[in-house]
Protein backbone atom coordinates (compact mmCIF):
# COMPACT_ATOMS: atom_id res chain seq x y z
CA MET A 1 0.00 0.00 0.00
CA SER A 2 1.32 3.45 -0.83
CA GLY A 3 0.00 6.94 -0.23
CA VAL A 4 0.84 10.28 1.37
CA MET A 5 2.04 10.98 4.89
CA GLY A 6 -0.31 12.77 7.28
CA SER A 7 -0.04 14.15 10.81
CA GLY A 8 -0.96 17.12 13.00
CA ARG A 9 0.03 20.67 12.01
CA TYR A 10 3.43 21.75 13.32
CA THR A 11 2.03 24.91 14.98
CA HIS A 12 -0.70 23.11 16.94
CA THR A 13 -0.03 22.12 20.54
CA GLY A 14 -2.53 19.26 20.50
CA GLY A 15 -4.01 16.76 18.09
CA GLY A 16 -2.32 13.74 16.59
CA SER A 17 1.39 13.34 17.19
CA ASN A 18 2.36 10.35 15.05
CA PHE A 19 2.80 10.10 11.30
CA LEU A 20 0.26 8.08 9.31
CA CYS A 21 0.35 6.61 5.83
CA LEU A 22 -2.88 7.85 4.17
CA THR A 23 -4.21 5.92 1.19
CA ASN A 24 -4.40 7.58 -2.22
CA ASN A 25 -8.05 6.48 -2.46
CA PRO A 26 -9.89 7.52 0.73
CA ILE A 27 -13.29 6.00 1.49
CA TYR A 28 -15.73 8.10 3.50
CA ASP A 29 -18.65 6.76 5.51
CA LYS A 30 -20.75 9.14 7.62
CA TYR A 31 -19.49 12.72 7.93
CA GLU A 32 -20.45 16.31 8.70
CA SER A 33 -19.64 18.71 5.87
CA GLY A 34 -17.25 21.52 6.72
CA PHE A 35 -14.53 21.71 9.36
CA GLN A 36 -15.91 21.68 12.91
CA GLY A 37 -12.62 22.78 14.48
CA THR A 38 -11.87 19.67 16.55
CA ALA A 39 -9.14 17.26 15.41
CA ALA A 40 -7.44 17.58 12.05
CA ILE A 41 -4.93 15.92 9.79
CA TYR A 42 -2.56 17.62 7.38
CA GLY A 43 -0.15 16.52 4.70
CA VAL A 44 3.53 16.27 5.58
CA GLU A 45 6.33 18.09 3.78
CA TYR A 46 10.07 17.76 4.06
CA GLU A 47 12.03 20.50 5.83
CA SER A 48 15.55 19.37 5.02
CA GLY A 49 17.05 22.75 4.22
CA SER A 50 20.30 22.35 2.33
CA PHE A 51 21.25 19.03 3.98
CA PRO A 52 23.43 17.22 1.41
CA GLY A 53 22.70 13.65 2.53
CA PHE A 54 19.77 13.04 0.18
CA LYS A 55 20.34 12.27 -3.50
CA ASN A 56 17.61 14.74 -4.54
CA ASN A 57 16.43 18.11 -3.25
CA ILE A 58 13.40 17.21 -1.11
CA GLN A 59 12.97 20.59 0.62
CA ASP A 60 9.27 21.63 0.76
CA HIS A 61 8.11 18.57 -1.21
CA ASN A 62 5.28 16.45 0.20
CA ALA A 63 6.28 13.12 1.75
CA PRO A 64 4.96 9.86 0.27
CA CYS A 65 4.71 6.64 2.25
CA ALA A 66 4.35 2.88 1.89
CA VAL A 67 3.38 -0.02 4.13
CA CYS A 68 5.09 -3.35 3.55
CA TYR A 69 4.30 -6.92 4.56
CA VAL A 70 6.93 -9.49 5.54
CA ARG A 71 5.50 -12.97 4.92
CA SER A 72 7.45 -14.67 7.73
CA ARG A 73 5.94 -12.46 10.44
CA GLY A 74 2.36 -12.10 11.69
CA SER A 75 1.11 -8.59 11.07
CA GLN A 76 -1.57 -6.20 12.29
CA ILE A 77 -2.03 -2.76 10.79
CA MET A 78 -4.32 0.22 11.20
CA ILE A 79 -5.01 1.87 7.85
CA PRO A 80 -6.45 5.41 7.97
CA ALA A 81 -8.80 6.90 5.37
CA THR A 82 -10.42 3.62 4.33
CA ASN A 83 -12.69 0.93 5.76
CA LYS A 84 -11.40 -1.85 3.51
CA CYS A 85 -8.37 -4.12 3.97
CA PRO A 86 -5.92 -4.98 1.20
CA SER A 87 -6.55 -8.24 -0.64
CA GLY A 88 -5.54 -11.24 1.45
CA TRP A 89 -5.91 -9.44 4.78
CA THR A 90 -8.68 -9.95 7.37
CA ARG A 91 -10.72 -6.98 8.57
CA GLU A 92 -10.94 -7.10 12.36
CA TYR A 93 -12.97 -3.90 12.66
CA TYR A 94 -13.50 -0.53 11.02
CA GLY A 95 -14.61 2.84 12.29
CA TYR A 96 -13.33 6.38 12.58
CA LEU A 97 -9.91 7.92 13.10
CA MET A 98 -9.70 9.83 16.39
CA THR A 99 -7.11 11.81 18.37
CA SER A 100 -6.89 14.74 20.79
CA HIS A 101 -8.13 18.24 19.88
CA TYR A 102 -5.66 20.17 17.73
CA ASP A 103 -5.65 23.17 20.08
CA HIS A 104 -5.42 21.37 23.43
CA ALA A 105 -2.10 21.33 25.30
CA HIS A 106 -1.73 17.55 24.97
CA SER A 107 -1.05 15.67 21.77
CA SER A 108 -1.68 11.96 21.30
CA GLU A 109 -1.43 9.32 18.62
CA TYR A 110 -4.12 8.73 16.03
CA VAL A 111 -6.26 5.69 16.91
CA CYS A 112 -8.97 3.76 15.07
CA ILE A 113 -12.19 3.56 17.10
CA ASP A 114 -14.66 0.82 16.11
CA GLU A 115 -17.85 2.04 14.42
CA ASP A 116 -19.61 -0.08 17.06
CA ALA A 117 -17.62 1.55 19.90
CA GLU A 118 -18.23 0.31 23.42
CA VAL A 119 -18.30 2.37 26.62
CA VAL A 120 -17.33 1.62 30.21
CA PRO A 121 -20.64 1.04 32.05
CA GLY A 122 -21.57 3.69 34.64
CA THR A 123 -19.20 6.36 33.33
CA HIS A 124 -21.50 8.88 31.62
CA ALA A 125 -20.02 12.11 33.07
CA SER A 126 -18.01 14.92 31.49
CA THR A 127 -14.88 14.91 33.69
CA ASP A 128 -12.56 15.87 30.80
CA GLY A 129 -9.44 13.79 31.37
CA ALA A 130 -7.94 12.75 28.04
CA LEU A 131 -10.34 13.48 25.16
CA LEU A 132 -10.87 11.90 21.72
CA TYR A 133 -12.26 13.76 18.69
CA THR A 134 -13.00 12.51 15.19
CA VAL A 135 -10.29 13.53 12.73
CA GLN A 136 -11.36 15.75 9.84
CA VAL A 137 -9.53 16.34 6.59
CA ASN A 138 -7.75 19.67 6.35
CA CYS A 139 -6.61 19.71 2.74
CA GLY A 140 -4.61 22.38 1.02
CA TYR A 141 -1.81 22.20 3.61
CA ASP A 142 0.16 19.57 1.68
CA LEU A 143 -2.74 17.05 1.82
CA PRO A 144 -4.24 16.87 -1.69
CA CYS A 145 -7.81 18.24 -1.90
CA LYS A 146 -8.49 15.61 -4.53
CA PRO A 147 -9.18 12.87 -3.52
CA TYR A 148 -9.46 14.24 0.06
CA ILE A 149 -12.48 16.40 0.94
CA GLU A 150 -12.14 19.33 3.35
CA GLY A 151 -13.89 18.75 6.67
CA HIS A 152 -14.87 15.11 6.12
CA GLU A 153 -14.28 12.73 9.02
CA LEU A 154 -11.79 10.00 8.15
CA THR A 155 -12.61 6.31 8.36
CA CYS A 156 -10.08 3.66 9.39
CA VAL A 157 -9.72 -0.11 9.46
CA VAL A 158 -7.68 -2.61 11.50
CA CYS A 159 -6.44 -5.58 9.46
CA THR A 160 -4.49 -8.75 10.29
CA LYS A 161 -2.60 -11.32 8.25
């Protein structure tokens, strides 16, 4: 699988903190149109300056990505921006990509929350410890607006092989 790298915006104190490999063919499920200002994902660009170690000038270019499978090892992967597994893989569950709010003082990794999410019984209270928000596309900042759609919540899938 190949695609484009995505993560939180470098100026935000919160939101997702890890880099994800986003598919070139996102699949949307349910969504609210427009950006609601909660969690976001952006494209990733290289900031290598004049570092001479790379064969090509990568400064300010967007970063691609790939996910590989090694046959001799058991594998589990979370794939953002789709609800389908690659051929030959088993879908364990699918749902929505979530992380902390982009403007909160704490950043966290992006996680895939099952569409049929469960709750801890007896815990319906807003005590505001760590918080999860659905991740919305924020295209135009290095994330291509085609095929990605501004403000749409991203799906995700967990696959095993």
